[in-house]
Amino acid sequence: YEECHVVAARRTAQEADVVVVNHHLFFADLALK
């Protein structure tokens, strides 16, 4: 968990002012998947 690349990427995104995603990722979150 402490070395997880997904966790690291999302931690960086949470600390950012501007986050760039694509629609599939955006809607994966909206659909709670």
ModelCIF file with pLDDT and N, C-alpha, C, O atoms, coordinates in Angstrom:
data_MODEL
#
_entry.id   MODEL 
#
_entity.id                         1 
_entity.type                       polymer 
_entity.pdbx_number_of_molecules   1 
#
_entity_poly.entity_id                      1 
_entity_poly.type                           'polypeptide(L)' 
_entity_poly.nstd_linkage                   no 
_entity_poly.nstd_monomer                   no 
_entity_poly.pdbx_seq_one_letter_code       YEECHVVAARRTAQEADVVVVNHHLFFADLALK 
_entity_poly.pdbx_seq_one_letter_code_can   YEECHVVAARRTAQEADVVVVNHHLFFADLALK 
_entity_poly.pdbx_strand_id                 A 
#
loop_
_entity_poly_seq.entity_id 
_entity_poly_seq.num 
_entity_poly_seq.mon_id 
_entity_poly_seq.hetero 
1 1  TYR n 
1 2  GLU n 
1 3  GLU n 
1 4  CYS n 
1 5  HIS n 
1 6  VAL n 
1 7  VAL n 
1 8  ALA n 
1 9  ALA n 
1 10 ARG n 
1 11 ARG n 
1 12 THR n 
1 13 ALA n 
1 14 GLN n 
1 15 GLU n 
1 16 ALA n 
1 17 ASP n 
1 18 VAL n 
1 19 VAL n 
1 20 VAL n 
1 21 VAL n 
1 22 ASN n 
1 23 HIS n 
1 24 HIS n 
1 25 LEU n 
1 26 PHE n 
1 27 PHE n 
1 28 ALA n 
1 29 ASP n 
1 30 LEU n 
1 31 ALA n 
1 32 LEU n 
1 33 LYS n 
#
_struct_asym.id          A 
_struct_asym.entity_id   1 
#
loop_
_ma_qa_metric.id 
_ma_qa_metric.mode 
_ma_qa_metric.name 
_ma_qa_metric.software_group_id 
_ma_qa_metric.type 
1 global pLDDT . pLDDT 
2 local  pLDDT . pLDDT 
#
_ma_qa_metric_global.metric_id      1 
_ma_qa_metric_global.metric_value   86.33 
_ma_qa_metric_global.model_id       1 
_ma_qa_metric_global.ordinal_id     1 
#
loop_
_ma_qa_metric_local.label_asym_id 
_ma_qa_metric_local.label_comp_id 
_ma_qa_metric_local.label_seq_id 
_ma_qa_metric_local.metric_id 
_ma_qa_metric_local.metric_value 
_ma_qa_metric_local.model_id 
_ma_qa_metric_local.ordinal_id 
A TYR 1  2 93.00 1 1  
A GLU 2  2 94.00 1 2  
A GLU 3  2 95.00 1 3  
A CYS 4  2 95.00 1 4  
A HIS 5  2 95.00 1 5  
A VAL 6  2 92.00 1 6  
A VAL 7  2 92.00 1 7  
A ALA 8  2 93.00 1 8  
A ALA 9  2 92.00 1 9  
A ARG 10 2 89.00 1 10 
A ARG 11 2 90.00 1 11 
A THR 12 2 92.00 1 12 
A ALA 13 2 90.00 1 13 
A GLN 14 2 88.00 1 14 
A GLU 15 2 91.00 1 15 
A ALA 16 2 93.00 1 16 
A ASP 17 2 94.00 1 17 
A VAL 18 2 96.00 1 18 
A VAL 19 2 94.00 1 19 
A VAL 20 2 95.00 1 20 
A VAL 21 2 93.00 1 21 
A ASN 22 2 90.00 1 22 
A HIS 23 2 92.00 1 23 
A HIS 24 2 89.00 1 24 
A LEU 25 2 87.00 1 25 
A PHE 26 2 87.00 1 26 
A PHE 27 2 85.00 1 27 
A ALA 28 2 80.00 1 28 
A ASP 29 2 70.00 1 29 
A LEU 30 2 67.00 1 30 
A ALA 31 2 59.00 1 31 
A LEU 32 2 51.00 1 32 
A LYS 33 2 46.00 1 33 
#
loop_
_atom_site.group_PDB 
_atom_site.id 
_atom_site.type_symbol 
_atom_site.label_atom_id 
_atom_site.label_alt_id 
_atom_site.label_comp_id 
_atom_site.label_asym_id 
_atom_site.label_entity_id 
_atom_site.label_seq_id 
_atom_site.pdbx_PDB_ins_code 
_atom_site.Cartn_x 
_atom_site.Cartn_y 
_atom_site.Cartn_z 
_atom_site.occupancy 
_atom_site.B_iso_or_equiv 
_atom_site.pdbx_formal_charge 
_atom_site.auth_seq_id 
_atom_site.auth_comp_id 
_atom_site.auth_asym_id 
_atom_site.auth_atom_id 
_atom_site.pdbx_PDB_model_num 
ATOM 1   N N  . TYR A 1 1  ? 0.819   -1.215 0.000   1.00 93.00 ? 1  TYR A N  1 
ATOM 2   C CA . TYR A 1 1  ? 0.000   0.000  0.000   1.00 93.00 ? 1  TYR A CA 1 
ATOM 3   C C  . TYR A 1 1  ? 0.855   1.269  0.000   1.00 93.00 ? 1  TYR A C  1 
ATOM 4   O O  . TYR A 1 1  ? 0.561   2.208  -0.739  1.00 93.00 ? 1  TYR A O  1 
ATOM 5   N N  . GLU A 1 2  ? 1.889   1.306  0.806   1.00 94.00 ? 2  GLU A N  1 
ATOM 6   C CA . GLU A 1 2  ? 2.724   2.506  0.904   1.00 94.00 ? 2  GLU A CA 1 
ATOM 7   C C  . GLU A 1 2  ? 3.501   2.773  -0.382  1.00 94.00 ? 2  GLU A C  1 
ATOM 8   O O  . GLU A 1 2  ? 3.902   3.907  -0.642  1.00 94.00 ? 2  GLU A O  1 
ATOM 9   N N  . GLU A 1 3  ? 3.712   1.735  -1.183  1.00 95.00 ? 3  GLU A N  1 
ATOM 10  C CA . GLU A 1 3  ? 4.444   1.886  -2.447  1.00 95.00 ? 3  GLU A CA 1 
ATOM 11  C C  . GLU A 1 3  ? 3.501   1.945  -3.646  1.00 95.00 ? 3  GLU A C  1 
ATOM 12  O O  . GLU A 1 3  ? 3.962   2.078  -4.780  1.00 95.00 ? 3  GLU A O  1 
ATOM 13  N N  . CYS A 1 4  ? 2.201   1.848  -3.420  1.00 95.00 ? 4  CYS A N  1 
ATOM 14  C CA . CYS A 1 4  ? 1.209   1.712  -4.501  1.00 95.00 ? 4  CYS A CA 1 
ATOM 15  C C  . CYS A 1 4  ? 1.238   2.903  -5.454  1.00 95.00 ? 4  CYS A C  1 
ATOM 16  O O  . CYS A 1 4  ? 1.163   4.055  -5.027  1.00 95.00 ? 4  CYS A O  1 
ATOM 17  N N  . HIS A 1 5  ? 1.349   2.613  -6.746  1.00 95.00 ? 5  HIS A N  1 
ATOM 18  C CA . HIS A 1 5  ? 1.402   3.667  -7.753  1.00 95.00 ? 5  HIS A CA 1 
ATOM 19  C C  . HIS A 1 5  ? 0.059   4.370  -7.903  1.00 95.00 ? 5  HIS A C  1 
ATOM 20  O O  . HIS A 1 5  ? 0.024   5.580  -8.129  1.00 95.00 ? 5  HIS A O  1 
ATOM 21  N N  . VAL A 1 6  ? -1.042  3.642  -7.782  1.00 92.00 ? 6  VAL A N  1 
ATOM 22  C CA . VAL A 1 6  ? -2.367  4.264  -7.883  1.00 92.00 ? 6  VAL A CA 1 
ATOM 23  C C  . VAL A 1 6  ? -2.585  5.219  -6.715  1.00 92.00 ? 6  VAL A C  1 
ATOM 24  O O  . VAL A 1 6  ? -3.056  6.341  -6.902  1.00 92.00 ? 6  VAL A O  1 
ATOM 25  N N  . VAL A 1 7  ? -2.242  4.771  -5.514  1.00 92.00 ? 7  VAL A N  1 
ATOM 26  C CA . VAL A 1 7  ? -2.380  5.628  -4.329  1.00 92.00 ? 7  VAL A CA 1 
ATOM 27  C C  . VAL A 1 7  ? -1.533  6.888  -4.492  1.00 92.00 ? 7  VAL A C  1 
ATOM 28  O O  . VAL A 1 7  ? -1.989  7.991  -4.187  1.00 92.00 ? 7  VAL A O  1 
ATOM 29  N N  . ALA A 1 8  ? -0.302  6.724  -4.971  1.00 93.00 ? 8  ALA A N  1 
ATOM 30  C CA . ALA A 1 8  ? 0.594   7.873  -5.151  1.00 93.00 ? 8  ALA A CA 1 
ATOM 31  C C  . ALA A 1 8  ? 0.033   8.852  -6.180  1.00 93.00 ? 8  ALA A C  1 
ATOM 32  O O  . ALA A 1 8  ? 0.062   10.064 -5.970  1.00 93.00 ? 8  ALA A O  1 
ATOM 33  N N  . ALA A 1 9  ? -0.482  8.318  -7.299  1.00 92.00 ? 9  ALA A N  1 
ATOM 34  C CA . ALA A 1 9  ? -1.035  9.180  -8.350  1.00 92.00 ? 9  ALA A CA 1 
ATOM 35  C C  . ALA A 1 9  ? -2.239  9.958  -7.839  1.00 92.00 ? 9  ALA A C  1 
ATOM 36  O O  . ALA A 1 9  ? -2.409  11.136 -8.156  1.00 92.00 ? 9  ALA A O  1 
ATOM 37  N N  . ARG A 1 10 ? -3.064  9.299  -7.055  1.00 89.00 ? 10 ARG A N  1 
ATOM 38  C CA . ARG A 1 10 ? -4.273  9.967  -6.564  1.00 89.00 ? 10 ARG A CA 1 
ATOM 39  C C  . ARG A 1 10 ? -3.965  10.929 -5.422  1.00 89.00 ? 10 ARG A C  1 
ATOM 40  O O  . ARG A 1 10 ? -4.657  11.930 -5.235  1.00 89.00 ? 10 ARG A O  1 
ATOM 41  N N  . ARG A 1 11 ? -2.927  10.614 -4.667  1.00 90.00 ? 11 ARG A N  1 
ATOM 42  C CA . ARG A 1 11 ? -2.505  11.543 -3.619  1.00 90.00 ? 11 ARG A CA 1 
ATOM 43  C C  . ARG A 1 11 ? -1.978  12.834 -4.266  1.00 90.00 ? 11 ARG A C  1 
ATOM 44  O O  . ARG A 1 11 ? -2.274  13.937 -3.807  1.00 90.00 ? 11 ARG A O  1 
ATOM 45  N N  . THR A 1 12 ? -1.201  12.676 -5.329  1.00 92.00 ? 12 THR A N  1 
ATOM 46  C CA . THR A 1 12 ? -0.690  13.840 -6.057  1.00 92.00 ? 12 THR A CA 1 
ATOM 47  C C  . THR A 1 12 ? -1.842  14.662 -6.633  1.00 92.00 ? 12 THR A C  1 
ATOM 48  O O  . THR A 1 12 ? -1.824  15.892 -6.592  1.00 92.00 ? 12 THR A O  1 
ATOM 49  N N  . ALA A 1 13 ? -2.848  13.960 -7.172  1.00 90.00 ? 13 ALA A N  1 
ATOM 50  C CA . ALA A 1 13 ? -4.003  14.646 -7.752  1.00 90.00 ? 13 ALA A CA 1 
ATOM 51  C C  . ALA A 1 13 ? -4.786  15.414 -6.692  1.00 90.00 ? 13 ALA A C  1 
ATOM 52  O O  . ALA A 1 13 ? -5.281  16.511 -6.949  1.00 90.00 ? 13 ALA A O  1 
ATOM 53  N N  . GLN A 1 14 ? -4.892  14.832 -5.506  1.00 88.00 ? 14 GLN A N  1 
ATOM 54  C CA . GLN A 1 14 ? -5.637  15.492 -4.428  1.00 88.00 ? 14 GLN A CA 1 
ATOM 55  C C  . GLN A 1 14 ? -4.948  16.762 -3.956  1.00 88.00 ? 14 GLN A C  1 
ATOM 56  O O  . GLN A 1 14 ? -5.595  17.672 -3.439  1.00 88.00 ? 14 GLN A O  1 
ATOM 57  N N  . GLU A 1 15 ? -3.647  16.818 -4.134  1.00 91.00 ? 15 GLU A N  1 
ATOM 58  C CA . GLU A 1 15 ? -2.892  17.985 -3.690  1.00 91.00 ? 15 GLU A CA 1 
ATOM 59  C C  . GLU A 1 15 ? -2.735  19.024 -4.799  1.00 91.00 ? 15 GLU A C  1 
ATOM 60  O O  . GLU A 1 15 ? -2.198  20.107 -4.565  1.00 91.00 ? 15 GLU A O  1 
ATOM 61  N N  . ALA A 1 16 ? -3.207  18.695 -6.018  1.00 93.00 ? 16 ALA A N  1 
ATOM 62  C CA . ALA A 1 16 ? -3.018  19.588 -7.163  1.00 93.00 ? 16 ALA A CA 1 
ATOM 63  C C  . ALA A 1 16 ? -4.139  20.616 -7.272  1.00 93.00 ? 16 ALA A C  1 
ATOM 64  O O  . ALA A 1 16 ? -5.243  20.417 -6.766  1.00 93.00 ? 16 ALA A O  1 
ATOM 65  N N  . ASP A 1 17 ? -3.824  21.718 -7.947  1.00 94.00 ? 17 ASP A N  1 
ATOM 66  C CA . ASP A 1 17 ? -4.824  22.750 -8.231  1.00 94.00 ? 17 ASP A CA 1 
ATOM 67  C C  . ASP A 1 17 ? -5.572  22.431 -9.519  1.00 94.00 ? 17 ASP A C  1 
ATOM 68  O O  . ASP A 1 17 ? -6.747  22.769 -9.667  1.00 94.00 ? 17 ASP A O  1 
ATOM 69  N N  . VAL A 1 18 ? -4.882  21.779 -10.448 1.00 96.00 ? 18 VAL A N  1 
ATOM 70  C CA . VAL A 1 18 ? -5.469  21.433 -11.748 1.00 96.00 ? 18 VAL A CA 1 
ATOM 71  C C  . VAL A 1 18 ? -5.206  19.954 -12.010 1.00 96.00 ? 18 VAL A C  1 
ATOM 72  O O  . VAL A 1 18 ? -4.057  19.513 -12.011 1.00 96.00 ? 18 VAL A O  1 
ATOM 73  N N  . VAL A 1 19 ? -6.273  19.192 -12.232 1.00 94.00 ? 19 VAL A N  1 
ATOM 74  C CA . VAL A 1 19 ? -6.149  17.756 -12.493 1.00 94.00 ? 19 VAL A CA 1 
ATOM 75  C C  . VAL A 1 19 ? -6.718  17.466 -13.874 1.00 94.00 ? 19 VAL A C  1 
ATOM 76  O O  . VAL A 1 19 ? -7.835  17.874 -14.191 1.00 94.00 ? 19 VAL A O  1 
ATOM 77  N N  . VAL A 1 20 ? -5.946  16.760 -14.692 1.00 95.00 ? 20 VAL A N  1 
ATOM 78  C CA . VAL A 1 20 ? -6.387  16.382 -16.040 1.00 95.00 ? 20 VAL A CA 1 
ATOM 79  C C  . VAL A 1 20 ? -6.703  14.896 -16.054 1.00 95.00 ? 20 VAL A C  1 
ATOM 80  O O  . VAL A 1 20 ? -5.856  14.069 -15.715 1.00 95.00 ? 20 VAL A O  1 
ATOM 81  N N  . VAL A 1 21 ? -7.920  14.563 -16.445 1.00 93.00 ? 21 VAL A N  1 
ATOM 82  C CA . VAL A 1 21 ? -8.360  13.174 -16.530 1.00 93.00 ? 21 VAL A CA 1 
ATOM 83  C C  . VAL A 1 21 ? -8.978  12.960 -17.915 1.00 93.00 ? 21 VAL A C  1 
ATOM 84  O O  . VAL A 1 21 ? -8.989  13.877 -18.736 1.00 93.00 ? 21 VAL A O  1 
ATOM 85  N N  . ASN A 1 22 ? -9.493  11.747 -18.177 1.00 90.00 ? 22 ASN A N  1 
ATOM 86  C CA . ASN A 1 22 ? -10.288 11.539 -19.381 1.00 90.00 ? 22 ASN A CA 1 
ATOM 87  C C  . ASN A 1 22 ? -11.692 11.122 -18.967 1.00 90.00 ? 22 ASN A C  1 
ATOM 88  O O  . ASN A 1 22 ? -11.933 10.766 -17.814 1.00 90.00 ? 22 ASN A O  1 
ATOM 89  N N  . HIS A 1 23 ? -12.619 11.170 -19.925 1.00 92.00 ? 23 HIS A N  1 
ATOM 90  C CA . HIS A 1 23 ? -14.031 10.966 -19.604 1.00 92.00 ? 23 HIS A CA 1 
ATOM 91  C C  . HIS A 1 23 ? -14.303 9.611  -18.947 1.00 92.00 ? 23 HIS A C  1 
ATOM 92  O O  . HIS A 1 23 ? -15.152 9.508  -18.062 1.00 92.00 ? 23 HIS A O  1 
ATOM 93  N N  . HIS A 1 24 ? -13.588 8.578  -19.377 1.00 89.00 ? 24 HIS A N  1 
ATOM 94  C CA . HIS A 1 24 ? -13.847 7.254  -18.815 1.00 89.00 ? 24 HIS A CA 1 
ATOM 95  C C  . HIS A 1 24 ? -13.508 7.215  -17.327 1.00 89.00 ? 24 HIS A C  1 
ATOM 96  O O  . HIS A 1 24 ? -14.244 6.630  -16.532 1.00 89.00 ? 24 HIS A O  1 
ATOM 97  N N  . LEU A 1 25 ? -12.400 7.835  -16.957 1.00 87.00 ? 25 LEU A N  1 
ATOM 98  C CA . LEU A 1 25 ? -12.049 7.889  -15.540 1.00 87.00 ? 25 LEU A CA 1 
ATOM 99  C C  . LEU A 1 25 ? -13.024 8.776  -14.774 1.00 87.00 ? 25 LEU A C  1 
ATOM 100 O O  . LEU A 1 25 ? -13.429 8.450  -13.658 1.00 87.00 ? 25 LEU A O  1 
ATOM 101 N N  . PHE A 1 26 ? -13.392 9.885  -15.378 1.00 87.00 ? 26 PHE A N  1 
ATOM 102 C CA . PHE A 1 26 ? -14.320 10.817 -14.736 1.00 87.00 ? 26 PHE A CA 1 
ATOM 103 C C  . PHE A 1 26 ? -15.644 10.127 -14.418 1.00 87.00 ? 26 PHE A C  1 
ATOM 104 O O  . PHE A 1 26 ? -16.164 10.250 -13.308 1.00 87.00 ? 26 PHE A O  1 
ATOM 105 N N  . PHE A 1 27 ? -16.184 9.405  -15.388 1.00 85.00 ? 27 PHE A N  1 
ATOM 106 C CA . PHE A 1 27 ? -17.478 8.764  -15.169 1.00 85.00 ? 27 PHE A CA 1 
ATOM 107 C C  . PHE A 1 27 ? -17.379 7.491  -14.347 1.00 85.00 ? 27 PHE A C  1 
ATOM 108 O O  . PHE A 1 27 ? -18.355 7.076  -13.723 1.00 85.00 ? 27 PHE A O  1 
ATOM 109 N N  . ALA A 1 28 ? -16.205 6.868  -14.341 1.00 80.00 ? 28 ALA A N  1 
ATOM 110 C CA . ALA A 1 28 ? -16.023 5.724  -13.446 1.00 80.00 ? 28 ALA A CA 1 
ATOM 111 C C  . ALA A 1 28 ? -16.221 6.173  -12.008 1.00 80.00 ? 28 ALA A C  1 
ATOM 112 O O  . ALA A 1 28 ? -16.777 5.441  -11.189 1.00 80.00 ? 28 ALA A O  1 
ATOM 113 N N  . ASP A 1 29 ? -15.765 7.376  -11.711 1.00 70.00 ? 29 ASP A N  1 
ATOM 114 C CA . ASP A 1 29 ? -15.956 7.914  -10.364 1.00 70.00 ? 29 ASP A CA 1 
ATOM 115 C C  . ASP A 1 29 ? -17.414 8.290  -10.126 1.00 70.00 ? 29 ASP A C  1 
ATOM 116 O O  . ASP A 1 29 ? -17.977 7.966  -9.081  1.00 70.00 ? 29 ASP A O  1 
ATOM 117 N N  . LEU A 1 30 ? -18.021 8.969  -11.085 1.00 67.00 ? 30 LEU A N  1 
ATOM 118 C CA . LEU A 1 30 ? -19.413 9.391  -10.920 1.00 67.00 ? 30 LEU A CA 1 
ATOM 119 C C  . LEU A 1 30 ? -20.340 8.204  -10.716 1.00 67.00 ? 30 LEU A C  1 
ATOM 120 O O  . LEU A 1 30 ? -21.305 8.282  -9.956  1.00 67.00 ? 30 LEU A O  1 
ATOM 121 N N  . ALA A 1 31 ? -20.043 7.110  -11.396 1.00 59.00 ? 31 ALA A N  1 
ATOM 122 C CA . ALA A 1 31 ? -20.893 5.926  -11.292 1.00 59.00 ? 31 ALA A CA 1 
ATOM 123 C C  . ALA A 1 31 ? -20.543 5.079  -10.073 1.00 59.00 ? 31 ALA A C  1 
ATOM 124 O O  . ALA A 1 31 ? -21.093 3.997  -9.871  1.00 59.00 ? 31 ALA A O  1 
ATOM 125 N N  . LEU A 1 32 ? -19.608 5.599  -9.259  1.00 51.00 ? 32 LEU A N  1 
ATOM 126 C CA . LEU A 1 32 ? -19.207 4.907  -8.026  1.00 51.00 ? 32 LEU A CA 1 
ATOM 127 C C  . LEU A 1 32 ? -18.640 3.524  -8.308  1.00 51.00 ? 32 LEU A C  1 
ATOM 128 O O  . LEU A 1 32 ? -18.822 2.590  -7.527  1.00 51.00 ? 32 LEU A O  1 
ATOM 129 N N  . LYS A 1 33 ? -17.940 3.409  -9.453  1.00 46.00 ? 33 LYS A N  1 
ATOM 130 C CA . LYS A 1 33 ? -17.359 2.111  -9.786  1.00 46.00 ? 33 LYS A CA 1 
ATOM 131 C C  . LYS A 1 33 ? -15.882 2.061  -9.428  1.00 46.00 ? 33 LYS A C  1 
ATOM 132 O O  . LYS A 1 33 ? -15.230 1.039  -9.640  1.00 46.00 ? 33 LYS A O  1 
#
